[in-house]
Amino acid sequence: MTKQFGGKLTKALSEKYARSEQWKQGKFYNMETTTMDISFHSMPKLLYEQFFKTKGRNPSSPLPVEAFDLPSFIAPSAAPKFIWYGHSAVLIRWKDKTIFVDPMMGPDASPIAPFRTKRFSESTLDLIEELPPIDLVLMTHDHYDHLDLESIRRLRAKTDKWYVALGVGRHLEAWGIESDRIREFDWWNTATLDGLEFHFTPSRHFSGRGLTDRATSLWGGWVIRSEDFNFYWSGDGGYGDHFKAVGDKFGPFDIGFMECGQYNKHWHQIHMYPEEVVQAALDSKVQVGVPVHWGGFSLSLHTWTEPAERFSAAAQDESLTILTPQLGSLFSSTDKTTPWWK
C-alpha cells in the first residue's frame, strides 16, 4: 500500500524546490489565494453523499472504448491526432512522435481509500500494451486520478522521456524510472524536443498523495507548439487570471483541452464550473475547446453527463467551437463530433 504514496519529501528536495518562486514556507502556493470550503462539521455529510448518494453519477453500463487502430494512429498527418480515454488521459500523435498526457488508465481513482472510485470503462490498463512506443509522457500533477502506479509500471518500459511538474519526479523515481529520463518543470519553464516546444503553465489547484505531503509538488498545464500548430492543456484547477496570462503569452491555440468536471461548491476554487471552463477557453484564446476531466470517474456529486451538457450549452451561448469525442476515437481539431453520451 505504501508504494502508492510515491517518493518522500527529503531535506535535499525541499532545498531544490525552494529555488522556485512558488515555494514558500515548505510548500507550493497558487498565484491567487485558494481554499476549500470544507469544515470539520460538514465532512461526515459530504463523505456520506460522496459514497452513498450515487444516483445518476455513474453510467448504467460500462462505457465502451473504441479499439486502438495502430496504422491509422501512426499514419503521416499534417496536423496532430488525438485519442481521449476518459477523464484526463489523452494520447497524441504529432510530428511522428507519440505523447501521452496524464496517462491514468487504471480501474480505481481511490486506491488507498476504503471505498473504490471505479472507472466508467473496463480493462483500460490492457490498452497500454497495444500502444506504440511512447516518446514522451507529460504529467500535470500527482493526484491519484492523474498519476496511477500501475499505469506507470506498464508504461515504464515503453516510454522514453517524462516531462513532469516540479516534485512529481520523486514519485517516478520511487517506482523505478531512472532520473535521467525525467525532467521537472516549474511554471513557465520551457523545453524543445525535435521541433516541438513544451511550456509548463500555471493552474489553480493543489497536490498530494498522502496526509503529510499536501502541496509539496507543483501542479499546472501544458502548452505544446510547432511552427504550424498550437496546443493547450489547461490542467486541473479553478478559474483565475492565469488563463489570460497563458493566452497572452502563447495564444491563440488551435485546440485546448479544458478541465471540466468533478466540481462542487465546497471546492469551487480548485475545479471550475462548466460555464467558467468556457470562459477560461475564451480567455486563453482557444479556438476549439475539448472538455476533459469527465467521462472516467465520479469524484463529485453531479451526474456523470452534467459537465459535458453544461459545457456544450455554455459554448453555444458564447459561440465557442467544441469537440466532444467518444472514448478511444481518433480525431483532429477540424473533425466534427456528436453528444454521444445521449
C-alpha atoms as a PDB file:
ATOM      1  CA  MET A   1       0.000   0.000   0.000  1.00  0.00           C
ATOM      2  CA  THR A   2       2.778   2.455   0.891  1.00  0.00           C
ATOM      3  CA  LYS A   3       4.128   2.142  -2.656  1.00  0.00           C
ATOM      4  CA  GLN A   4       1.065   4.118  -3.772  1.00  0.00           C
ATOM      5  CA  PHE A   5       2.290   7.214  -1.941  1.00  0.00           C
ATOM      6  CA  GLY A   6       5.330   7.534  -4.181  1.00  0.00           C
ATOM      7  CA  GLY A   7       8.565   9.270  -3.204  1.00  0.00           C
ATOM      8  CA  LYS A   8       9.118  11.011   0.117  1.00  0.00           C
ATOM      9  CA  LEU A   9       9.978  14.674   0.551  1.00  0.00           C
ATOM     10  CA  THR A  10      13.576  14.972   1.760  1.00  0.00           C
ATOM     11  CA  LYS A  11      15.640  17.898   3.003  1.00  0.00           C
ATOM     12  CA  ALA A  12      17.590  17.926  -0.269  1.00  0.00           C
ATOM     13  CA  LEU A  13      14.376  18.034  -2.298  1.00  0.00           C
ATOM     14  CA  SER A  14      12.976  20.825  -0.111  1.00  0.00           C
ATOM     15  CA  GLU A  15      16.107  22.841  -0.794  1.00  0.00           C
ATOM     16  CA  LYS A  16      15.693  22.192  -4.515  1.00  0.00           C
ATOM     17  CA  TYR A  17      12.033  23.220  -4.515  1.00  0.00           C
ATOM     18  CA  ALA A  18      12.877  26.354  -2.520  1.00  0.00           C
ATOM     19  CA  ARG A  19      14.507  27.754  -5.659  1.00  0.00           C
ATOM     20  CA  SER A  20      11.001  28.052  -7.133  1.00  0.00           C
ATOM     21  CA  GLU A  21       9.127  31.324  -6.695  1.00  0.00           C
ATOM     22  CA  GLN A  22       6.044  29.193  -5.942  1.00  0.00           C
ATOM     23  CA  TRP A  23       7.640  27.535  -2.863  1.00  0.00           C
ATOM     24  CA  LYS A  24       7.038  29.355   0.427  1.00  0.00           C
ATOM     25  CA  GLN A  25       7.316  28.079   3.991  1.00  0.00           C
ATOM     26  CA  GLY A  26       7.659  24.459   2.967  1.00  0.00           C
ATOM     27  CA  LYS A  27       5.031  24.117   0.245  1.00  0.00           C
ATOM     28  CA  PHE A  28       3.891  25.361  -3.145  1.00  0.00           C
ATOM     29  CA  TYR A  29       1.308  28.126  -3.476  1.00  0.00           C
ATOM     30  CA  ASN A  30      -1.112  29.263  -6.180  1.00  0.00           C
ATOM     31  CA  MET A  31      -0.914  32.664  -7.860  1.00  0.00           C
ATOM     32  CA  GLU A  32      -4.212  33.568  -6.155  1.00  0.00           C
ATOM     33  CA  THR A  33      -5.442  32.818  -2.653  1.00  0.00           C
ATOM     34  CA  THR A  34      -7.098  29.396  -2.914  1.00  0.00           C
ATOM     35  CA  THR A  35      -9.038  27.467  -0.277  1.00  0.00           C
ATOM     36  CA  MET A  36     -11.551  24.648   0.050  1.00  0.00           C
ATOM     37  CA  ASP A  37     -14.762  25.373   1.971  1.00  0.00           C
ATOM     38  CA  ILE A  38     -14.924  22.120   3.925  1.00  0.00           C
ATOM     39  CA  SER A  39     -15.352  22.344   7.680  1.00  0.00           C
ATOM     40  CA  PHE A  40     -14.906  19.551  10.205  1.00  0.00           C
ATOM     41  CA  HIS A  41     -18.664  19.554  10.843  1.00  0.00           C
ATOM     42  CA  SER A  42     -19.576  19.293   7.148  1.00  0.00           C
ATOM     43  CA  MET A  43     -17.197  16.403   6.454  1.00  0.00           C
ATOM     44  CA  PRO A  44     -19.426  13.479   7.595  1.00  0.00           C
ATOM     45  CA  LYS A  45     -22.325  14.633   5.406  1.00  0.00           C
ATOM     46  CA  LEU A  46     -20.047  15.215   2.445  1.00  0.00           C
ATOM     47  CA  LEU A  47     -18.466  11.773   2.763  1.00  0.00           C
ATOM     48  CA  TYR A  48     -21.899  10.158   3.056  1.00  0.00           C
ATOM     49  CA  GLU A  49     -23.119  11.922  -0.085  1.00  0.00           C
ATOM     50  CA  GLN A  50     -19.909  11.084  -1.946  1.00  0.00           C
ATOM     51  CA  PHE A  51     -20.079   7.354  -1.299  1.00  0.00           C
ATOM     52  CA  PHE A  52     -23.800   6.648  -0.952  1.00  0.00           C
ATOM     53  CA  LYS A  53     -25.790   9.236  -2.952  1.00  0.00           C
ATOM     54  CA  THR A  54     -24.752   7.863  -6.315  1.00  0.00           C
ATOM     55  CA  LYS A  55     -27.908   8.054  -8.466  1.00  0.00           C
ATOM     56  CA  GLY A  56     -27.006   9.275 -11.953  1.00  0.00           C
ATOM     57  CA  ARG A  57     -23.361   9.680 -11.117  1.00  0.00           C
ATOM     58  CA  ASN A  58     -22.271   6.530 -12.963  1.00  0.00           C
ATOM     59  CA  PRO A  59     -23.327   5.188 -16.378  1.00  0.00           C
ATOM     60  CA  SER A  60     -25.881   2.393 -16.287  1.00  0.00           C
ATOM     61  CA  SER A  61     -23.367   0.104 -18.003  1.00  0.00           C
ATOM     62  CA  PRO A  62     -19.608   0.354 -18.679  1.00  0.00           C
ATOM     63  CA  LEU A  63     -18.707   2.952 -21.288  1.00  0.00           C
ATOM     64  CA  PRO A  64     -17.205   1.328 -24.393  1.00  0.00           C
ATOM     65  CA  VAL A  65     -13.780   2.377 -25.622  1.00  0.00           C
ATOM     66  CA  GLU A  66     -13.084   2.199 -29.347  1.00  0.00           C
ATOM     67  CA  ALA A  67     -10.405  -0.318 -30.321  1.00  0.00           C
ATOM     68  CA  PHE A  68      -6.945   1.116 -30.912  1.00  0.00           C
ATOM     69  CA  ASP A  69      -6.046   1.276 -34.623  1.00  0.00           C
ATOM     70  CA  LEU A  70      -2.256   1.458 -34.825  1.00  0.00           C
ATOM     71  CA  PRO A  71      -1.933   2.024 -38.610  1.00  0.00           C
ATOM     72  CA  SER A  72      -4.367   4.954 -38.502  1.00  0.00           C
ATOM     73  CA  PHE A  73      -2.713   6.422 -35.437  1.00  0.00           C
ATOM     74  CA  ILE A  74       0.852   6.411 -36.820  1.00  0.00           C
ATOM     75  CA  ALA A  75      -0.090   7.278 -40.421  1.00  0.00           C
ATOM     76  CA  PRO A  76       1.564  10.553 -41.539  1.00  0.00           C
ATOM     77  CA  SER A  77      -0.627  13.594 -40.991  1.00  0.00           C
ATOM     78  CA  ALA A  78      -0.185  17.329 -41.446  1.00  0.00           C
ATOM     79  CA  ALA A  79      -1.966  18.030 -38.154  1.00  0.00           C
ATOM     80  CA  PRO A  80      -1.772  16.336 -34.748  1.00  0.00           C
ATOM     81  CA  LYS A  81      -4.153  13.481 -33.928  1.00  0.00           C
ATOM     82  CA  PHE A  82      -5.688  12.763 -30.537  1.00  0.00           C
ATOM     83  CA  ILE A  83      -7.346   9.939 -28.593  1.00  0.00           C
ATOM     84  CA  TRP A  84      -9.187  10.659 -25.336  1.00  0.00           C
ATOM     85  CA  TYR A  85      -9.537   7.720 -22.935  1.00  0.00           C
ATOM     86  CA  GLY A  86     -11.827   9.403 -20.423  1.00  0.00           C
ATOM     87  CA  HIS A  87     -11.052  11.728 -17.540  1.00  0.00           C
ATOM     88  CA  SER A  88      -7.712  13.389 -18.385  1.00  0.00           C
ATOM     89  CA  ALA A  89      -5.843  10.703 -20.332  1.00  0.00           C
ATOM     90  CA  VAL A  90      -5.102  11.839 -23.895  1.00  0.00           C
ATOM     91  CA  LEU A  91      -2.789  10.196 -26.429  1.00  0.00           C
ATOM     92  CA  ILE A  92      -1.275  12.472 -29.097  1.00  0.00           C
ATOM     93  CA  ARG A  93       0.450  11.755 -32.405  1.00  0.00           C
ATOM     94  CA  TRP A  94       2.337  14.826 -33.599  1.00  0.00           C
ATOM     95  CA  LYS A  95       5.416  15.244 -35.810  1.00  0.00           C
ATOM     96  CA  ASP A  96       5.976  11.453 -35.794  1.00  0.00           C
ATOM     97  CA  LYS A  97       6.023  11.468 -32.009  1.00  0.00           C
ATOM     98  CA  THR A  98       3.652   9.721 -29.589  1.00  0.00           C
ATOM     99  CA  ILE A  99       2.871  11.777 -26.493  1.00  0.00           C
ATOM    100  CA  PHE A 100       0.695  10.668 -23.573  1.00  0.00           C
ATOM    101  CA  VAL A 101      -0.779  13.288 -21.215  1.00  0.00           C
ATOM    102  CA  ASP A 102      -1.749  12.239 -17.669  1.00  0.00           C
ATOM    103  CA  PRO A 103      -1.907   8.543 -18.632  1.00  0.00           C
ATOM    104  CA  MET A 104      -4.123   7.334 -15.794  1.00  0.00           C
ATOM    105  CA  MET A 105      -5.557   4.145 -17.303  1.00  0.00           C
ATOM    106  CA  GLY A 106      -6.208   2.311 -14.035  1.00  0.00           C
ATOM    107  CA  PRO A 107      -9.566   0.996 -12.784  1.00  0.00           C
ATOM    108  CA  ASP A 108      -9.695   2.902  -9.477  1.00  0.00           C
ATOM    109  CA  ALA A 109      -9.061   6.580  -8.678  1.00  0.00           C
ATOM    110  CA  SER A 110      -9.039   5.909  -4.910  1.00  0.00           C
ATOM    111  CA  PRO A 111      -6.531   3.075  -4.417  1.00  0.00           C
ATOM    112  CA  ILE A 112      -5.810   3.963  -0.776  1.00  0.00           C
ATOM    113  CA  ALA A 113      -9.420   4.727   0.266  1.00  0.00           C
ATOM    114  CA  PRO A 114     -11.839   2.302   1.963  1.00  0.00           C
ATOM    115  CA  PHE A 115     -14.260   2.656  -0.973  1.00  0.00           C
ATOM    116  CA  ARG A 116     -13.364   2.314  -4.651  1.00  0.00           C
ATOM    117  CA  THR A 117     -13.851   5.052  -7.229  1.00  0.00           C
ATOM    118  CA  LYS A 118     -14.415   2.704 -10.128  1.00  0.00           C
ATOM    119  CA  ARG A 119     -13.659   3.718 -13.699  1.00  0.00           C
ATOM    120  CA  PHE A 120     -16.615   4.005 -16.091  1.00  0.00           C
ATOM    121  CA  SER A 121     -14.821   1.794 -18.653  1.00  0.00           C
ATOM    122  CA  GLU A 122     -13.329  -1.662 -18.249  1.00  0.00           C
ATOM    123  CA  SER A 123      -9.894  -3.146 -18.994  1.00  0.00           C
ATOM    124  CA  THR A 124      -8.314   0.198 -19.886  1.00  0.00           C
ATOM    125  CA  LEU A 125      -4.946  -0.813 -18.436  1.00  0.00           C
ATOM    126  CA  ASP A 126      -4.685  -3.502 -21.092  1.00  0.00           C
ATOM    127  CA  LEU A 127      -4.819  -0.820 -23.786  1.00  0.00           C
ATOM    128  CA  ILE A 128      -1.326   0.269 -22.807  1.00  0.00           C
ATOM    129  CA  GLU A 129       0.061  -2.963 -24.208  1.00  0.00           C
ATOM    130  CA  GLU A 130      -1.424  -2.130 -27.636  1.00  0.00           C
ATOM    131  CA  LEU A 131       0.158   1.307 -27.888  1.00  0.00           C
ATOM    132  CA  PRO A 132       3.339   2.028 -29.847  1.00  0.00           C
ATOM    133  CA  PRO A 133       6.477   3.173 -28.001  1.00  0.00           C
ATOM    134  CA  ILE A 134       5.787   6.417 -26.142  1.00  0.00           C
ATOM    135  CA  ASP A 135       8.265   9.174 -26.918  1.00  0.00           C
ATOM    136  CA  LEU A 136       7.110  11.420 -24.095  1.00  0.00           C
ATOM    137  CA  VAL A 137       4.741  11.373 -21.117  1.00  0.00           C
ATOM    138  CA  LEU A 138       3.507  14.718 -19.769  1.00  0.00           C
ATOM    139  CA  MET A 139       2.296  14.889 -16.167  1.00  0.00           C
ATOM    140  CA  THR A 140       0.309  17.821 -14.743  1.00  0.00           C
ATOM    141  CA  HIS A 141       0.340  16.849 -11.035  1.00  0.00           C
ATOM    142  CA  ASP A 142       0.417  13.894  -8.662  1.00  0.00           C
ATOM    143  CA  HIS A 143      -3.227  13.237  -7.684  1.00  0.00           C
ATOM    144  CA  TYR A 144      -4.396   9.633  -7.983  1.00  0.00           C
ATOM    145  CA  ASP A 145      -6.834  10.368 -10.819  1.00  0.00           C
ATOM    146  CA  HIS A 146      -3.859  11.571 -12.921  1.00  0.00           C
ATOM    147  CA  LEU A 147      -0.804   9.694 -11.659  1.00  0.00           C
ATOM    148  CA  ASP A 148      -1.529   5.978 -11.341  1.00  0.00           C
ATOM    149  CA  LEU A 149       1.041   3.486 -10.060  1.00  0.00           C
ATOM    150  CA  GLU A 150       0.010   0.516 -12.211  1.00  0.00           C
ATOM    151  CA  SER A 151      -0.243   2.653 -15.356  1.00  0.00           C
ATOM    152  CA  ILE A 152       3.287   3.926 -14.729  1.00  0.00           C
ATOM    153  CA  ARG A 153       4.539   0.383 -14.201  1.00  0.00           C
ATOM    154  CA  ARG A 154       3.156  -0.674 -17.572  1.00  0.00           C
ATOM    155  CA  LEU A 155       4.412   2.451 -19.330  1.00  0.00           C
ATOM    156  CA  ARG A 156       7.861   2.346 -17.761  1.00  0.00           C
ATOM    157  CA  ALA A 157       9.497   0.023 -20.290  1.00  0.00           C
ATOM    158  CA  LYS A 158       7.921   1.627 -23.369  1.00  0.00           C
ATOM    159  CA  THR A 159       8.335   5.326 -22.533  1.00  0.00           C
ATOM    160  CA  ASP A 160      11.453   7.275 -23.479  1.00  0.00           C
ATOM    161  CA  LYS A 161      11.088  10.608 -21.643  1.00  0.00           C
ATOM    162  CA  TRP A 162       8.964  12.042 -18.846  1.00  0.00           C
ATOM    163  CA  TYR A 163       8.227  15.775 -18.534  1.00  0.00           C
ATOM    164  CA  VAL A 164       6.554  16.374 -15.179  1.00  0.00           C
ATOM    165  CA  ALA A 165       5.571  19.064 -12.709  1.00  0.00           C
ATOM    166  CA  LEU A 166       8.270  20.013 -10.224  1.00  0.00           C
ATOM    167  CA  GLY A 167       8.200  17.436  -7.412  1.00  0.00           C
ATOM    168  CA  VAL A 168       6.471  14.655  -9.349  1.00  0.00           C
ATOM    169  CA  GLY A 169       9.812  13.201 -10.383  1.00  0.00           C
ATOM    170  CA  ARG A 170      10.378  11.764  -6.916  1.00  0.00           C
ATOM    171  CA  HIS A 171       7.327   9.522  -7.333  1.00  0.00           C
ATOM    172  CA  LEU A 172       8.521   8.218 -10.700  1.00  0.00           C
ATOM    173  CA  GLU A 173      11.978   7.511  -9.310  1.00  0.00           C
ATOM    174  CA  ALA A 174      10.430   5.623  -6.372  1.00  0.00           C
ATOM    175  CA  TRP A 175       8.608   3.482  -8.937  1.00  0.00           C
ATOM    176  CA  GLY A 176      11.742   2.552 -10.849  1.00  0.00           C
ATOM    177  CA  ILE A 177      12.116   5.211 -13.553  1.00  0.00           C
ATOM    178  CA  GLU A 178      15.671   6.447 -13.997  1.00  0.00           C
ATOM    179  CA  SER A 179      16.270  10.085 -13.093  1.00  0.00           C
ATOM    180  CA  ASP A 180      17.998  10.858 -16.400  1.00  0.00           C
ATOM    181  CA  ARG A 181      14.719  10.132 -18.231  1.00  0.00           C
ATOM    182  CA  ILE A 182      12.786  12.606 -16.090  1.00  0.00           C
ATOM    183  CA  ARG A 183      12.703  16.385 -16.484  1.00  0.00           C
ATOM    184  CA  GLU A 184      10.853  18.508 -13.932  1.00  0.00           C
ATOM    185  CA  PHE A 185       9.226  21.839 -14.769  1.00  0.00           C
ATOM    186  CA  ASP A 186       8.377  24.927 -12.766  1.00  0.00           C
ATOM    187  CA  TRP A 187       5.729  27.317 -14.103  1.00  0.00           C
ATOM    188  CA  TRP A 188       6.830  28.954 -17.367  1.00  0.00           C
ATOM    189  CA  ASN A 189       9.762  26.547 -17.819  1.00  0.00           C
ATOM    190  CA  THR A 190      10.395  25.526 -21.433  1.00  0.00           C
ATOM    191  CA  ALA A 191      11.961  22.621 -23.324  1.00  0.00           C
ATOM    192  CA  THR A 192      12.385  21.801 -27.003  1.00  0.00           C
ATOM    193  CA  LEU A 193      12.207  18.271 -28.381  1.00  0.00           C
ATOM    194  CA  ASP A 194      12.701  17.608 -32.102  1.00  0.00           C
ATOM    195  CA  GLY A 195      10.955  20.749 -33.280  1.00  0.00           C
ATOM    196  CA  LEU A 196       8.234  20.834 -30.624  1.00  0.00           C
ATOM    197  CA  GLU A 197       8.217  23.404 -27.816  1.00  0.00           C
ATOM    198  CA  PHE A 198       6.898  22.413 -24.378  1.00  0.00           C
ATOM    199  CA  HIS A 199       5.919  25.031 -21.816  1.00  0.00           C
ATOM    200  CA  PHE A 200       4.631  24.278 -18.303  1.00  0.00           C
ATOM    201  CA  THR A 201       1.945  26.771 -17.344  1.00  0.00           C
ATOM    202  CA  PRO A 202       0.221  27.772 -14.083  1.00  0.00           C
ATOM    203  CA  SER A 203      -3.097  26.410 -12.866  1.00  0.00           C
ATOM    204  CA  ARG A 204      -5.064  26.986  -9.651  1.00  0.00           C
ATOM    205  CA  HIS A 205      -5.044  23.687  -7.827  1.00  0.00           C
ATOM    206  CA  PHE A 206      -3.053  21.661  -5.265  1.00  0.00           C
ATOM    207  CA  SER A 207      -1.235  18.328  -4.962  1.00  0.00           C
ATOM    208  CA  GLY A 208      -0.530  15.425  -2.626  1.00  0.00           C
ATOM    209  CA  ARG A 209      -0.889  11.654  -2.332  1.00  0.00           C
ATOM    210  CA  GLY A 210      -0.926  11.245   1.461  1.00  0.00           C
ATOM    211  CA  LEU A 211      -1.789  13.031   4.683  1.00  0.00           C
ATOM    212  CA  THR A 212       1.561  14.783   5.045  1.00  0.00           C
ATOM    213  CA  ASP A 213       2.630  15.802   1.523  1.00  0.00           C
ATOM    214  CA  ARG A 214      -0.068  18.301   0.517  1.00  0.00           C
ATOM    215  CA  ALA A 215       1.290  20.952  -1.883  1.00  0.00           C
ATOM    216  CA  THR A 216       4.827  19.530  -1.819  1.00  0.00           C
ATOM    217  CA  SER A 217       4.827  19.023  -5.580  1.00  0.00           C
ATOM    218  CA  LEU A 218       3.652  21.507  -8.182  1.00  0.00           C
ATOM    219  CA  TRP A 219       0.618  21.440 -10.483  1.00  0.00           C
ATOM    220  CA  GLY A 220      -0.062  23.084 -13.837  1.00  0.00           C
ATOM    221  CA  GLY A 221      -0.903  22.778 -17.516  1.00  0.00           C
ATOM    222  CA  TRP A 222       0.993  22.345 -20.768  1.00  0.00           C
ATOM    223  CA  VAL A 223       1.438  24.273 -23.984  1.00  0.00           C
ATOM    224  CA  ILE A 224       2.892  22.425 -26.987  1.00  0.00           C
ATOM    225  CA  ARG A 225       3.859  24.497 -30.018  1.00  0.00           C
ATOM    226  CA  SER A 226       5.193  23.858 -33.504  1.00  0.00           C
ATOM    227  CA  GLU A 227       5.602  26.150 -36.454  1.00  0.00           C
ATOM    228  CA  ASP A 228       2.114  25.248 -37.712  1.00  0.00           C
ATOM    229  CA  PHE A 229       0.013  24.213 -34.690  1.00  0.00           C
ATOM    230  CA  ASN A 230      -0.580  25.386 -31.121  1.00  0.00           C
ATOM    231  CA  PHE A 231      -1.983  23.156 -28.341  1.00  0.00           C
ATOM    232  CA  TYR A 232      -3.102  23.996 -24.784  1.00  0.00           C
ATOM    233  CA  TRP A 233      -3.788  21.642 -21.895  1.00  0.00           C
ATOM    234  CA  SER A 234      -5.326  23.579 -19.006  1.00  0.00           C
ATOM    235  CA  GLY A 235      -4.524  21.161 -16.198  1.00  0.00           C
ATOM    236  CA  ASP A 236      -6.792  20.809 -13.179  1.00  0.00           C
ATOM    237  CA  GLY A 237      -7.843  23.921 -11.358  1.00  0.00           C
ATOM    238  CA  GLY A 238     -10.231  26.743 -10.608  1.00  0.00           C
ATOM    239  CA  TYR A 239     -10.857  29.811 -12.693  1.00  0.00           C
ATOM    240  CA  GLY A 240      -8.276  32.582 -12.442  1.00  0.00           C
ATOM    241  CA  ASP A 241      -6.156  35.229 -14.131  1.00  0.00           C
ATOM    242  CA  HIS A 242      -3.643  32.628 -15.298  1.00  0.00           C
ATOM    243  CA  PHE A 243      -5.811  31.748 -18.299  1.00  0.00           C
ATOM    244  CA  LYS A 244      -5.478  35.241 -19.748  1.00  0.00           C
ATOM    245  CA  ALA A 245      -1.760  35.181 -18.960  1.00  0.00           C
ATOM    246  CA  VAL A 246      -1.340  31.921 -20.904  1.00  0.00           C
ATOM    247  CA  GLY A 247      -3.410  33.237 -23.812  1.00  0.00           C
ATOM    248  CA  ASP A 248      -1.466  36.498 -23.984  1.00  0.00           C
ATOM    249  CA  LYS A 249       1.886  34.705 -23.850  1.00  0.00           C
ATOM    250  CA  PHE A 250       1.248  31.706 -26.103  1.00  0.00           C
ATOM    251  CA  GLY A 251      -2.163  32.003 -27.802  1.00  0.00           C
ATOM    252  CA  PRO A 252      -4.147  31.723 -29.896  1.00  0.00           C
ATOM    253  CA  PHE A 253      -4.481  27.941 -29.687  1.00  0.00           C
ATOM    254  CA  ASP A 254      -5.780  25.675 -32.435  1.00  0.00           C
ATOM    255  CA  ILE A 255      -7.160  23.353 -29.756  1.00  0.00           C
ATOM    256  CA  GLY A 256      -7.474  23.431 -25.985  1.00  0.00           C
ATOM    257  CA  PHE A 257      -8.212  20.522 -23.665  1.00  0.00           C
ATOM    258  CA  MET A 258     -10.005  22.147 -20.746  1.00  0.00           C
ATOM    259  CA  GLU A 259     -10.623  20.661 -17.303  1.00  0.00           C
ATOM    260  CA  CYS A 260     -14.401  20.286 -16.921  1.00  0.00           C
ATOM    261  CA  GLY A 261     -15.815  18.046 -14.219  1.00  0.00           C
ATOM    262  CA  GLN A 262     -15.684  16.944 -10.572  1.00  0.00           C
ATOM    263  CA  TYR A 263     -16.679  20.431  -9.402  1.00  0.00           C
ATOM    264  CA  ASN A 264     -18.552  21.181  -6.191  1.00  0.00           C
ATOM    265  CA  LYS A 265     -19.455  24.312  -4.238  1.00  0.00           C
ATOM    266  CA  HIS A 266     -17.142  23.152  -1.430  1.00  0.00           C
ATOM    267  CA  TRP A 267     -14.078  23.109  -3.718  1.00  0.00           C
ATOM    268  CA  HIS A 268     -15.092  25.648  -6.331  1.00  0.00           C
ATOM    269  CA  GLN A 269     -11.721  27.397  -6.249  1.00  0.00           C
ATOM    270  CA  ILE A 270      -9.860  24.271  -7.405  1.00  0.00           C
ATOM    271  CA  HIS A 271     -12.349  22.952 -10.002  1.00  0.00           C
ATOM    272  CA  MET A 272     -14.275  25.194 -12.392  1.00  0.00           C
ATOM    273  CA  TYR A 273     -17.965  25.080 -13.152  1.00  0.00           C
ATOM    274  CA  PRO A 274     -18.538  24.263 -16.858  1.00  0.00           C
ATOM    275  CA  GLU A 275     -19.582  27.815 -17.681  1.00  0.00           C
ATOM    276  CA  GLU A 276     -16.271  29.027 -16.249  1.00  0.00           C
ATOM    277  CA  VAL A 277     -14.457  26.452 -18.363  1.00  0.00           C
ATOM    278  CA  VAL A 278     -15.874  28.073 -21.489  1.00  0.00           C
ATOM    279  CA  GLN A 279     -14.774  31.486 -20.237  1.00  0.00           C
ATOM    280  CA  ALA A 280     -11.321  30.093 -19.470  1.00  0.00           C
ATOM    281  CA  ALA A 281     -11.084  28.819 -23.048  1.00  0.00           C
ATOM    282  CA  LEU A 282     -12.007  32.258 -24.354  1.00  0.00           C
ATOM    283  CA  ASP A 283      -9.528  33.966 -22.002  1.00  0.00           C
ATOM    284  CA  SER A 284      -6.713  31.711 -23.167  1.00  0.00           C
ATOM    285  CA  LYS A 285      -7.628  32.259 -26.840  1.00  0.00           C
ATOM    286  CA  VAL A 286      -8.607  28.663 -27.533  1.00  0.00           C
ATOM    287  CA  GLN A 287     -10.296  28.278 -30.914  1.00  0.00           C
ATOM    288  CA  VAL A 288     -11.599  24.705 -30.432  1.00  0.00           C
ATOM    289  CA  GLY A 289     -12.353  23.515 -26.908  1.00  0.00           C
ATOM    290  CA  VAL A 290     -12.436  19.898 -25.706  1.00  0.00           C
ATOM    291  CA  PRO A 291     -13.833  19.181 -22.204  1.00  0.00           C
ATOM    292  CA  VAL A 292     -11.826  16.657 -20.187  1.00  0.00           C
ATOM    293  CA  HIS A 293     -11.757  15.516 -16.548  1.00  0.00           C
ATOM    294  CA  TRP A 294     -15.134  13.822 -17.012  1.00  0.00           C
ATOM    295  CA  GLY A 295     -16.282  10.528 -18.551  1.00  0.00           C
ATOM    296  CA  GLY A 296     -13.898   8.492 -16.405  1.00  0.00           C
ATOM    297  CA  PHE A 297     -14.713   8.657 -12.711  1.00  0.00           C
ATOM    298  CA  SER A 298     -17.304  10.065 -10.330  1.00  0.00           C
ATOM    299  CA  LEU A 299     -15.333  12.259  -7.931  1.00  0.00           C
ATOM    300  CA  SER A 300     -18.106  14.719  -7.114  1.00  0.00           C
ATOM    301  CA  LEU A 301     -21.890  14.789  -6.692  1.00  0.00           C
ATOM    302  CA  HIS A 302     -23.026  15.857 -10.160  1.00  0.00           C
ATOM    303  CA  THR A 303     -24.319  13.341 -12.708  1.00  0.00           C
ATOM    304  CA  TRP A 304     -21.724  11.839 -14.987  1.00  0.00           C
ATOM    305  CA  THR A 305     -23.034  13.675 -18.081  1.00  0.00           C
ATOM    306  CA  GLU A 306     -23.636  17.089 -16.489  1.00  0.00           C
ATOM    307  CA  PRO A 307     -20.155  18.519 -17.221  1.00  0.00           C
ATOM    308  CA  ALA A 308     -20.471  17.853 -20.959  1.00  0.00           C
ATOM    309  CA  GLU A 309     -24.057  19.071 -21.099  1.00  0.00           C
ATOM    310  CA  ARG A 310     -23.403  22.346 -19.295  1.00  0.00           C
ATOM    311  CA  PHE A 311     -20.146  22.918 -21.189  1.00  0.00           C
ATOM    312  CA  SER A 312     -21.861  22.360 -24.540  1.00  0.00           C
ATOM    313  CA  ALA A 313     -24.718  24.732 -23.697  1.00  0.00           C
ATOM    314  CA  ALA A 314     -22.382  27.459 -22.472  1.00  0.00           C
ATOM    315  CA  ALA A 315     -20.106  27.052 -25.513  1.00  0.00           C
ATOM    316  CA  GLN A 316     -23.093  27.506 -27.812  1.00  0.00           C
ATOM    317  CA  ASP A 317     -24.092  30.673 -25.955  1.00  0.00           C
ATOM    318  CA  GLU A 318     -20.557  32.058 -26.301  1.00  0.00           C
ATOM    319  CA  SER A 319     -20.003  30.846 -29.894  1.00  0.00           C
ATOM    320  CA  LEU A 320     -17.054  28.653 -28.904  1.00  0.00           C
ATOM    321  CA  THR A 321     -16.376  25.763 -31.270  1.00  0.00           C
ATOM    322  CA  ILE A 322     -16.071  22.497 -29.339  1.00  0.00           C
ATOM    323  CA  LEU A 323     -15.373  18.805 -29.807  1.00  0.00           C
ATOM    324  CA  THR A 324     -16.765  16.029 -27.605  1.00  0.00           C
ATOM    325  CA  PRO A 325     -15.018  12.869 -28.883  1.00  0.00           C
ATOM    326  CA  GLN A 326     -16.037   9.360 -27.899  1.00  0.00           C
ATOM    327  CA  LEU A 327     -13.713   7.328 -25.730  1.00  0.00           C
ATOM    328  CA  GLY A 328     -10.904   5.831 -27.772  1.00  0.00           C
ATOM    329  CA  SER A 329     -11.805   7.576 -31.035  1.00  0.00           C
ATOM    330  CA  LEU A 330      -9.079   9.112 -33.184  1.00  0.00           C
ATOM    331  CA  PHE A 331      -9.763  12.758 -34.039  1.00  0.00           C
ATOM    332  CA  SER A 332      -8.181  16.025 -35.116  1.00  0.00           C
ATOM    333  CA  SER A 333      -9.054  19.645 -34.373  1.00  0.00           C
ATOM    334  CA  THR A 334     -11.048  20.001 -37.601  1.00  0.00           C
ATOM    335  CA  ASP A 335     -13.304  16.975 -37.092  1.00  0.00           C
ATOM    336  CA  LYS A 336     -16.964  17.029 -36.098  1.00  0.00           C
ATOM    337  CA  THR A 337     -18.322  15.173 -33.082  1.00  0.00           C
ATOM    338  CA  THR A 338     -21.722  14.488 -31.570  1.00  0.00           C
ATOM    339  CA  PRO A 339     -23.122  14.414 -27.999  1.00  0.00           C
ATOM    340  CA  TRP A 340     -22.543  10.660 -27.826  1.00  0.00           C
ATOM    341  CA  TRP A 341     -23.482  10.371 -24.147  1.00  0.00           C
ATOM    342  CA  LYS A 342     -27.155  10.982 -25.008  1.00  0.00           C
END
